[in-house]
Amino acid sequence: MSKTSLTILLFAITIFLGFYSMYRVSQPRILSESEMLVNGFVEYGEYEELRDFKLTDHNGNEFTNENLKQNKLNFYILAIQVVLQSAQ
């Protein structure tokens, strides 16, 4: 085998292995149950109703689960308040 043909063969094998490894990496890997547990998988139980609670913030405003039902939680306004307080 000549040096040129050997070089072409090695180059072709390298290209093939490169594409094959890219193909293998792009395929999703299905984990077994024991592998999922090792990786920290936690299966949550059934949906449970949120118990009644009452929280009071630093301004004395109460926050209950009724506020969650009425969607009275606005993270945008909360973020603006935090930015304004830190700027002072």
PDB file of N, CA and C in Angstrom:
ATOM      1  N   MET A   1       0.849  -1.168   0.000  1.00  0.00           N
ATOM      2  CA  MET A   1       0.000   0.000   0.000  1.00  0.00           C
ATOM      3  C   MET A   1       0.899   1.238   0.000  1.00  0.00           C
ATOM      4  N   SER A   2       0.579   2.145  -0.881  1.00  0.00           N
ATOM      5  CA  SER A   2       1.424   3.342  -0.978  1.00  0.00           C
ATOM      6  C   SER A   2       1.089   4.332   0.124  1.00  0.00           C
ATOM      7  N   LYS A   3       1.971   5.283   0.300  1.00  0.00           N
ATOM      8  CA  LYS A   3       1.801   6.285   1.351  1.00  0.00           C
ATOM      9  C   LYS A   3       0.562   7.141   1.096  1.00  0.00           C
ATOM     10  N   THR A   4       0.281   7.465  -0.143  1.00  0.00           N
ATOM     11  CA  THR A   4      -0.866   8.304  -0.497  1.00  0.00           C
ATOM     12  C   THR A   4      -2.175   7.584  -0.206  1.00  0.00           C
ATOM     13  N   SER A   5      -2.273   6.327  -0.610  1.00  0.00           N
ATOM     14  CA  SER A   5      -3.514   5.584  -0.370  1.00  0.00           C
ATOM     15  C   SER A   5      -3.728   5.345   1.120  1.00  0.00           C
ATOM     16  N   LEU A   6      -2.665   5.129   1.868  1.00  0.00           N
ATOM     17  CA  LEU A   6      -2.788   4.961   3.313  1.00  0.00           C
ATOM     18  C   LEU A   6      -3.262   6.258   3.968  1.00  0.00           C
ATOM     19  N   THR A   7      -2.753   7.386   3.502  1.00  0.00           N
ATOM     20  CA  THR A   7      -3.175   8.689   4.025  1.00  0.00           C
ATOM     21  C   THR A   7      -4.645   8.938   3.726  1.00  0.00           C
ATOM     22  N   ILE A   8      -5.067   8.622   2.514  1.00  0.00           N
ATOM     23  CA  ILE A   8      -6.478   8.801   2.137  1.00  0.00           C
ATOM     24  C   ILE A   8      -7.368   7.886   2.968  1.00  0.00           C
ATOM     25  N   LEU A   9      -6.949   6.650   3.186  1.00  0.00           N
ATOM     26  CA  LEU A   9      -7.725   5.709   4.002  1.00  0.00           C
ATOM     27  C   LEU A   9      -7.856   6.209   5.439  1.00  0.00           C
ATOM     28  N   LEU A  10      -6.764   6.654   6.040  1.00  0.00           N
ATOM     29  CA  LEU A  10      -6.819   7.173   7.412  1.00  0.00           C
ATOM     30  C   LEU A  10      -7.674   8.433   7.500  1.00  0.00           C
ATOM     31  N   PHE A  11      -7.599   9.292   6.493  1.00  0.00           N
ATOM     32  CA  PHE A  11      -8.422  10.499   6.469  1.00  0.00           C
ATOM     33  C   PHE A  11      -9.904  10.135   6.382  1.00  0.00           C
ATOM     34  N   ALA A  12     -10.246   9.158   5.529  1.00  0.00           N
ATOM     35  CA  ALA A  12     -11.639   8.723   5.385  1.00  0.00           C
ATOM     36  C   ALA A  12     -12.153   8.105   6.683  1.00  0.00           C
ATOM     37  N   ILE A  13     -11.327   7.308   7.344  1.00  0.00           N
ATOM     38  CA  ILE A  13     -11.727   6.705   8.623  1.00  0.00           C
ATOM     39  C   ILE A  13     -11.943   7.787   9.672  1.00  0.00           C
ATOM     40  N   THR A  14     -11.073   8.787   9.700  1.00  0.00           N
ATOM     41  CA  THR A  14     -11.207   9.885  10.661  1.00  0.00           C
ATOM     42  C   THR A  14     -12.496  10.666  10.422  1.00  0.00           C
ATOM     43  N   ILE A  15     -12.798  10.963   9.160  1.00  0.00           N
ATOM     44  CA  ILE A  15     -14.036  11.681   8.826  1.00  0.00           C
ATOM     45  C   ILE A  15     -15.249  10.845   9.222  1.00  0.00           C
ATOM     46  N   PHE A  16     -15.221   9.549   8.905  1.00  0.00           N
ATOM     47  CA  PHE A  16     -16.335   8.672   9.259  1.00  0.00           C
ATOM     48  C   PHE A  16     -16.548   8.638  10.770  1.00  0.00           C
ATOM     49  N   LEU A  17     -15.475   8.463  11.537  1.00  0.00           N
ATOM     50  CA  LEU A  17     -15.598   8.411  12.996  1.00  0.00           C
ATOM     51  C   LEU A  17     -16.079   9.744  13.559  1.00  0.00           C
ATOM     52  N   GLY A  18     -15.677  10.842  12.956  1.00  0.00           N
ATOM     53  CA  GLY A  18     -16.155  12.151  13.400  1.00  0.00           C
ATOM     54  C   GLY A  18     -17.652  12.298  13.212  1.00  0.00           C
ATOM     55  N   PHE A  19     -18.150  11.941  12.016  1.00  0.00           N
ATOM     56  CA  PHE A  19     -19.590  12.025  11.769  1.00  0.00           C
ATOM     57  C   PHE A  19     -20.369  11.030  12.624  1.00  0.00           C
ATOM     58  N   TYR A  20     -19.824   9.834  12.812  1.00  0.00           N
ATOM     59  CA  TYR A  20     -20.505   8.831  13.632  1.00  0.00           C
ATOM     60  C   TYR A  20     -20.601   9.288  15.086  1.00  0.00           C
ATOM     61  N   SER A  21     -19.537   9.885  15.608  1.00  0.00           N
ATOM     62  CA  SER A  21     -19.580  10.353  16.995  1.00  0.00           C
ATOM     63  C   SER A  21     -20.546  11.520  17.142  1.00  0.00           C
ATOM     64  N   MET A  22     -20.634  12.402  16.123  1.00  0.00           N
ATOM     65  CA  MET A  22     -21.618  13.492  16.176  1.00  0.00           C
ATOM     66  C   MET A  22     -23.039  12.933  16.158  1.00  0.00           C
ATOM     67  N   TYR A  23     -23.255  11.884  15.370  1.00  0.00           N
ATOM     68  CA  TYR A  23     -24.564  11.241  15.319  1.00  0.00           C
ATOM     69  C   TYR A  23     -24.921  10.633  16.672  1.00  0.00           C
ATOM     70  N   ARG A  24     -23.978   9.947  17.292  1.00  0.00           N
ATOM     71  CA  ARG A  24     -24.236   9.297  18.582  1.00  0.00           C
ATOM     72  C   ARG A  24     -24.501  10.317  19.684  1.00  0.00           C
ATOM     73  N   VAL A  25     -23.788  11.422  19.671  1.00  0.00           N
ATOM     74  CA  VAL A  25     -23.976  12.447  20.696  1.00  0.00           C
ATOM     75  C   VAL A  25     -25.339  13.108  20.547  1.00  0.00           C
ATOM     76  N   SER A  26     -25.823  13.248  19.315  1.00  0.00           N
ATOM     77  CA  SER A  26     -27.098  13.930  19.092  1.00  0.00           C
ATOM     78  C   SER A  26     -28.303  13.057  19.423  1.00  0.00           C
ATOM     79  N   GLN A  27     -28.128  11.772  19.595  1.00  0.00           N
ATOM     80  CA  GLN A  27     -29.235  10.872  19.916  1.00  0.00           C
ATOM     81  C   GLN A  27     -29.546  10.933  21.409  1.00  0.00           C
ATOM     82  N   PRO A  28     -30.837  11.048  21.779  1.00  0.00           N
ATOM     83  CA  PRO A  28     -31.174  11.067  23.206  1.00  0.00           C
ATOM     84  C   PRO A  28     -30.903   9.712  23.848  1.00  0.00           C
ATOM     85  N   ARG A  29     -30.449   9.753  25.074  1.00  0.00           N
ATOM     86  CA  ARG A  29     -30.147   8.517  25.800  1.00  0.00           C
ATOM     87  C   ARG A  29     -31.275   8.254  26.783  1.00  0.00           C
ATOM     88  N   ILE A  30     -31.859   7.087  26.726  1.00  0.00           N
ATOM     89  CA  ILE A  30     -32.934   6.709  27.635  1.00  0.00           C
ATOM     90  C   ILE A  30     -32.301   6.044  28.844  1.00  0.00           C
ATOM     91  N   LEU A  31     -32.519   6.663  30.010  1.00  0.00           N
ATOM     92  CA  LEU A  31     -31.911   6.162  31.240  1.00  0.00           C
ATOM     93  C   LEU A  31     -32.785   5.093  31.878  1.00  0.00           C
ATOM     94  N   SER A  32     -32.156   4.149  32.536  1.00  0.00           N
ATOM     95  CA  SER A  32     -32.901   3.156  33.300  1.00  0.00           C
ATOM     96  C   SER A  32     -33.354   3.797  34.616  1.00  0.00           C
ATOM     97  N   GLU A  33     -34.204   3.106  35.340  1.00  0.00           N
ATOM     98  CA  GLU A  33     -34.724   3.649  36.596  1.00  0.00           C
ATOM     99  C   GLU A  33     -33.614   3.869  37.616  1.00  0.00           C
ATOM    100  N   SER A  34     -32.673   2.944  37.687  1.00  0.00           N
ATOM    101  CA  SER A  34     -31.573   3.103  38.647  1.00  0.00           C
ATOM    102  C   SER A  34     -30.664   4.268  38.254  1.00  0.00           C
ATOM    103  N   GLU A  35     -30.437   4.482  36.952  1.00  0.00           N
ATOM    104  CA  GLU A  35     -29.622   5.617  36.513  1.00  0.00           C
ATOM    105  C   GLU A  35     -30.307   6.943  36.820  1.00  0.00           C
ATOM    106  N   MET A  36     -31.644   6.975  36.675  1.00  0.00           N
ATOM    107  CA  MET A  36     -32.368   8.202  37.000  1.00  0.00           C
ATOM    108  C   MET A  36     -32.256   8.516  38.485  1.00  0.00           C
ATOM    109  N   LEU A  37     -32.332   7.494  39.331  1.00  0.00           N
ATOM    110  CA  LEU A  37     -32.209   7.721  40.770  1.00  0.00           C
ATOM    111  C   LEU A  37     -30.818   8.221  41.133  1.00  0.00           C
ATOM    112  N   VAL A  38     -29.788   7.689  40.486  1.00  0.00           N
ATOM    113  CA  VAL A  38     -28.418   8.135  40.739  1.00  0.00           C
ATOM    114  C   VAL A  38     -28.255   9.596  40.335  1.00  0.00           C
ATOM    115  N   ASN A  39     -28.930  10.014  39.256  1.00  0.00           N
ATOM    116  CA  ASN A  39     -28.830  11.388  38.765  1.00  0.00           C
ATOM    117  C   ASN A  39     -29.745  12.354  39.503  1.00  0.00           C
ATOM    118  N   GLY A  40     -30.468  11.888  40.518  1.00  0.00           N
ATOM    119  CA  GLY A  40     -31.276  12.781  41.341  1.00  0.00           C
ATOM    120  C   GLY A  40     -32.724  12.912  40.912  1.00  0.00           C
ATOM    121  N   PHE A  41     -33.251  11.983  40.154  1.00  0.00           N
ATOM    122  CA  PHE A  41     -34.644  12.033  39.727  1.00  0.00           C
ATOM    123  C   PHE A  41     -35.562  11.817  40.921  1.00  0.00           C
ATOM    124  N   VAL A  42     -36.562  12.668  41.050  1.00  0.00           N
ATOM    125  CA  VAL A  42     -37.547  12.531  42.119  1.00  0.00           C
ATOM    126  C   VAL A  42     -38.922  12.523  41.471  1.00  0.00           C
ATOM    127  N   GLU A  43     -39.678  11.473  41.720  1.00  0.00           N
ATOM    128  CA  GLU A  43     -41.030  11.397  41.186  1.00  0.00           C
ATOM    129  C   GLU A  43     -41.990  11.925  42.242  1.00  0.00           C
ATOM    130  N   TYR A  44     -42.704  12.976  41.876  1.00  0.00           N
ATOM    131  CA  TYR A  44     -43.633  13.579  42.818  1.00  0.00           C
ATOM    132  C   TYR A  44     -44.938  12.800  42.829  1.00  0.00           C
ATOM    133  N   GLY A  45     -45.630  12.876  43.948  1.00  0.00           N
ATOM    134  CA  GLY A  45     -46.888  12.166  44.097  1.00  0.00           C
ATOM    135  C   GLY A  45     -48.032  12.894  43.428  1.00  0.00           C
ATOM    136  N   GLU A  46     -49.220  12.568  43.856  1.00  0.00           N
ATOM    137  CA  GLU A  46     -50.417  13.175  43.299  1.00  0.00           C
ATOM    138  C   GLU A  46     -50.535  14.634  43.735  1.00  0.00           C
ATOM    139  N   TYR A  47     -51.344  15.383  43.007  1.00  0.00           N
ATOM    140  CA  TYR A  47     -51.596  16.780  43.315  1.00  0.00           C
ATOM    141  C   TYR A  47     -52.339  16.880  44.645  1.00  0.00           C
ATOM    142  N   GLU A  48     -51.886  17.761  45.497  1.00  0.00           N
ATOM    143  CA  GLU A  48     -52.557  17.989  46.767  1.00  0.00           C
ATOM    144  C   GLU A  48     -52.974  19.445  46.858  1.00  0.00           C
ATOM    145  N   GLU A  49     -54.095  19.676  47.496  1.00  0.00           N
ATOM    146  CA  GLU A  49     -54.593  21.038  47.681  1.00  0.00           C
ATOM    147  C   GLU A  49     -53.653  21.795  48.608  1.00  0.00           C
ATOM    148  N   LEU A  50     -53.393  23.044  48.272  1.00  0.00           N
ATOM    149  CA  LEU A  50     -52.520  23.881  49.080  1.00  0.00           C
ATOM    150  C   LEU A  50     -53.237  24.248  50.376  1.00  0.00           C
ATOM    151  N   ARG A  51     -52.583  24.001  51.500  1.00  0.00           N
ATOM    152  CA  ARG A  51     -53.192  24.309  52.789  1.00  0.00           C
ATOM    153  C   ARG A  51     -53.279  25.817  52.989  1.00  0.00           C
ATOM    154  N   ASP A  52     -54.188  26.223  53.872  1.00  0.00           N
ATOM    155  CA  ASP A  52     -54.333  27.647  54.179  1.00  0.00           C
ATOM    156  C   ASP A  52     -53.087  28.155  54.879  1.00  0.00           C
ATOM    157  N   PHE A  53     -52.656  29.348  54.486  1.00  0.00           N
ATOM    158  CA  PHE A  53     -51.505  29.966  55.125  1.00  0.00           C
ATOM    159  C   PHE A  53     -51.717  31.472  55.148  1.00  0.00           C
ATOM    160  N   LYS A  54     -50.984  32.138  56.009  1.00  0.00           N
ATOM    161  CA  LYS A  54     -51.049  33.590  56.098  1.00  0.00           C
ATOM    162  C   LYS A  54     -49.638  34.098  56.357  1.00  0.00           C
ATOM    163  N   LEU A  55     -49.149  34.937  55.450  1.00  0.00           N
ATOM    164  CA  LEU A  55     -47.831  35.533  55.580  1.00  0.00           C
ATOM    165  C   LEU A  55     -47.978  37.042  55.701  1.00  0.00           C
ATOM    166  N   THR A  56     -47.051  37.655  56.398  1.00  0.00           N
ATOM    167  CA  THR A  56     -47.044  39.110  56.536  1.00  0.00           C
ATOM    168  C   THR A  56     -45.694  39.625  56.067  1.00  0.00           C
ATOM    169  N   ASP A  57     -45.731  40.613  55.157  1.00  0.00           N
ATOM    170  CA  ASP A  57     -44.465  41.150  54.660  1.00  0.00           C
ATOM    171  C   ASP A  57     -43.964  42.273  55.562  1.00  0.00           C
ATOM    172  N   HIS A  58     -42.851  42.905  55.177  1.00  0.00           N
ATOM    173  CA  HIS A  58     -42.227  43.928  56.011  1.00  0.00           C
ATOM    174  C   HIS A  58     -43.047  45.213  56.073  1.00  0.00           C
ATOM    175  N   ASN A  59     -44.047  45.361  55.185  1.00  0.00           N
ATOM    176  CA  ASN A  59     -44.931  46.526  55.229  1.00  0.00           C
ATOM    177  C   ASN A  59     -46.202  46.247  56.017  1.00  0.00           C
ATOM    178  N   GLY A  60     -46.361  45.037  56.519  1.00  0.00           N
ATOM    179  CA  GLY A  60     -47.542  44.668  57.280  1.00  0.00           C
ATOM    180  C   GLY A  60     -48.674  44.146  56.413  1.00  0.00           C
ATOM    181  N   ASN A  61     -48.465  43.980  55.127  1.00  0.00           N
ATOM    182  CA  ASN A  61     -49.494  43.458  54.225  1.00  0.00           C
ATOM    183  C   ASN A  61     -49.554  41.942  54.352  1.00  0.00           C
ATOM    184  N   GLU A  62     -50.784  41.424  54.374  1.00  0.00           N
ATOM    185  CA  GLU A  62     -50.958  39.982  54.483  1.00  0.00           C
ATOM    186  C   GLU A  62     -51.014  39.350  53.098  1.00  0.00           C
ATOM    187  N   PHE A  63     -50.480  38.154  53.001  1.00  0.00           N
ATOM    188  CA  PHE A  63     -50.509  37.383  51.764  1.00  0.00           C
ATOM    189  C   PHE A  63     -51.018  35.994  52.109  1.00  0.00           C
ATOM    190  N   THR A  64     -52.132  35.591  51.506  1.00  0.00           N
ATOM    191  CA  THR A  64     -52.725  34.279  51.767  1.00  0.00           C
ATOM    192  C   THR A  64     -52.864  33.521  50.450  1.00  0.00           C
ATOM    193  N   ASN A  65     -53.397  32.306  50.544  1.00  0.00           N
ATOM    194  CA  ASN A  65     -53.591  31.548  49.313  1.00  0.00           C
ATOM    195  C   ASN A  65     -54.725  32.121  48.464  1.00  0.00           C
ATOM    196  N   GLU A  66     -55.548  32.991  49.027  1.00  0.00           N
ATOM    197  CA  GLU A  66     -56.555  33.698  48.231  1.00  0.00           C
ATOM    198  C   GLU A  66     -55.881  34.626  47.228  1.00  0.00           C
ATOM    199  N   ASN A  67     -54.759  35.237  47.636  1.00  0.00           N
ATOM    200  CA  ASN A  67     -54.011  36.081  46.709  1.00  0.00           C
ATOM    201  C   ASN A  67     -53.492  35.264  45.525  1.00  0.00           C
ATOM    202  N   LEU A  68     -53.109  34.026  45.776  1.00  0.00           N
ATOM    203  CA  LEU A  68     -52.659  33.169  44.680  1.00  0.00           C
ATOM    204  C   LEU A  68     -53.809  32.836  43.734  1.00  0.00           C
ATOM    205  N   LYS A  69     -54.995  32.593  44.304  1.00  0.00           N
ATOM    206  CA  LYS A  69     -56.155  32.269  43.475  1.00  0.00           C
ATOM    207  C   LYS A  69     -56.577  33.461  42.626  1.00  0.00           C
ATOM    208  N   GLN A  70     -56.391  34.674  43.160  1.00  0.00           N
ATOM    209  CA  GLN A  70     -56.790  35.885  42.440  1.00  0.00           C
ATOM    210  C   GLN A  70     -55.660  36.428  41.575  1.00  0.00           C
ATOM    211  N   ASN A  71     -54.546  35.729  41.517  1.00  0.00           N
ATOM    212  CA  ASN A  71     -53.373  36.146  40.736  1.00  0.00           C
ATOM    213  C   ASN A  71     -52.895  37.536  41.134  1.00  0.00           C
ATOM    214  N   LYS A  72     -52.839  37.798  42.429  1.00  0.00           N
ATOM    215  CA  LYS A  72     -52.371  39.092  42.909  1.00  0.00           C
ATOM    216  C   LYS A  72     -50.885  39.047  43.234  1.00  0.00           C
ATOM    217  N   LEU A  73     -50.148  38.333  42.453  1.00  0.00           N
ATOM    218  CA  LEU A  73     -48.711  38.235  42.646  1.00  0.00           C
ATOM    219  C   LEU A  73     -48.060  38.730  41.363  1.00  0.00           C
ATOM    220  N   ASN A  74     -47.330  39.829  41.466  1.00  0.00           N
ATOM    221  CA  ASN A  74     -46.742  40.443  40.284  1.00  0.00           C
ATOM    222  C   ASN A  74     -45.246  40.563  40.492  1.00  0.00           C
ATOM    223  N   PHE A  75     -44.479  39.697  39.856  1.00  0.00           N
ATOM    224  CA  PHE A  75     -43.034  39.702  40.027  1.00  0.00           C
ATOM    225  C   PHE A  75     -42.388  40.913  39.371  1.00  0.00           C
ATOM    226  N   TYR A  76     -43.030  41.482  38.347  1.00  0.00           N
ATOM    227  CA  TYR A  76     -42.470  42.654  37.679  1.00  0.00           C
ATOM    228  C   TYR A  76     -42.439  43.834  38.641  1.00  0.00           C
ATOM    229  N   ILE A  77     -43.544  44.077  39.333  1.00  0.00           N
ATOM    230  CA  ILE A  77     -43.593  45.181  40.302  1.00  0.00           C
ATOM    231  C   ILE A  77     -42.660  44.889  41.466  1.00  0.00           C
ATOM    232  N   LEU A  78     -42.590  43.646  41.888  1.00  0.00           N
ATOM    233  CA  LEU A  78     -41.687  43.264  42.969  1.00  0.00           C
ATOM    234  C   LEU A  78     -40.240  43.544  42.579  1.00  0.00           C
ATOM    235  N   ALA A  79     -39.873  43.231  41.355  1.00  0.00           N
ATOM    236  CA  ALA A  79     -38.504  43.478  40.896  1.00  0.00           C
ATOM    237  C   ALA A  79     -38.201  44.968  40.843  1.00  0.00           C
ATOM    238  N   ILE A  80     -39.164  45.774  40.403  1.00  0.00           N
ATOM    239  CA  ILE A  80     -38.957  47.229  40.359  1.00  0.00           C
ATOM    240  C   ILE A  80     -38.774  47.773  41.768  1.00  0.00           C
ATOM    241  N   GLN A  81     -39.566  47.278  42.723  1.00  0.00           N
ATOM    242  CA  GLN A  81     -39.429  47.745  44.103  1.00  0.00           C
ATOM    243  C   GLN A  81     -38.064  47.387  44.665  1.00  0.00           C
ATOM    244  N   VAL A  82     -37.581  46.213  44.371  1.00  0.00           N
ATOM    245  CA  VAL A  82     -36.267  45.800  44.866  1.00  0.00           C
ATOM    246  C   VAL A  82     -35.179  46.676  44.265  1.00  0.00           C
ATOM    247  N   VAL A  83     -35.281  46.977  42.980  1.00  0.00           N
ATOM    248  CA  VAL A  83     -34.282  47.822  42.325  1.00  0.00           C
ATOM    249  C   VAL A  83     -34.310  49.227  42.903  1.00  0.00           C
ATOM    250  N   LEU A  84     -35.507  49.761  43.115  1.00  0.00           N
ATOM    251  CA  LEU A  84     -35.613  51.115  43.662  1.00  0.00           C
ATOM    252  C   LEU A  84     -35.088  51.186  45.089  1.00  0.00           C
ATOM    253  N   GLN A  85     -35.358  50.147  45.892  1.00  0.00           N
ATOM    254  CA  GLN A  85     -34.867  50.150  47.270  1.00  0.00           C
ATOM    255  C   GLN A  85     -33.357  50.011  47.318  1.00  0.00           C
ATOM    256  N   SER A  86     -32.788  49.251  46.405  1.00  0.00           N
ATOM    257  CA  SER A  86     -31.337  49.093  46.420  1.00  0.00           C
ATOM    258  C   SER A  86     -30.634  50.335  45.887  1.00  0.00           C
ATOM    259  N   ALA A  87     -31.331  51.147  45.083  1.00  0.00           N
ATOM    260  CA  ALA A  87     -30.730  52.369  44.547  1.00  0.00           C
ATOM    261  C   ALA A  87     -30.670  53.477  45.593  1.00  0.00           C
ATOM    262  N   GLN A  88     -31.493  53.373  46.619  1.00  0.00           N
ATOM    263  CA  GLN A  88     -31.529  54.442  47.640  1.00  0.00           C
ATOM    264  C   GLN A  88     -30.373  54.382  48.570  1.00  0.00           C
TER     265      GLN A  88
END
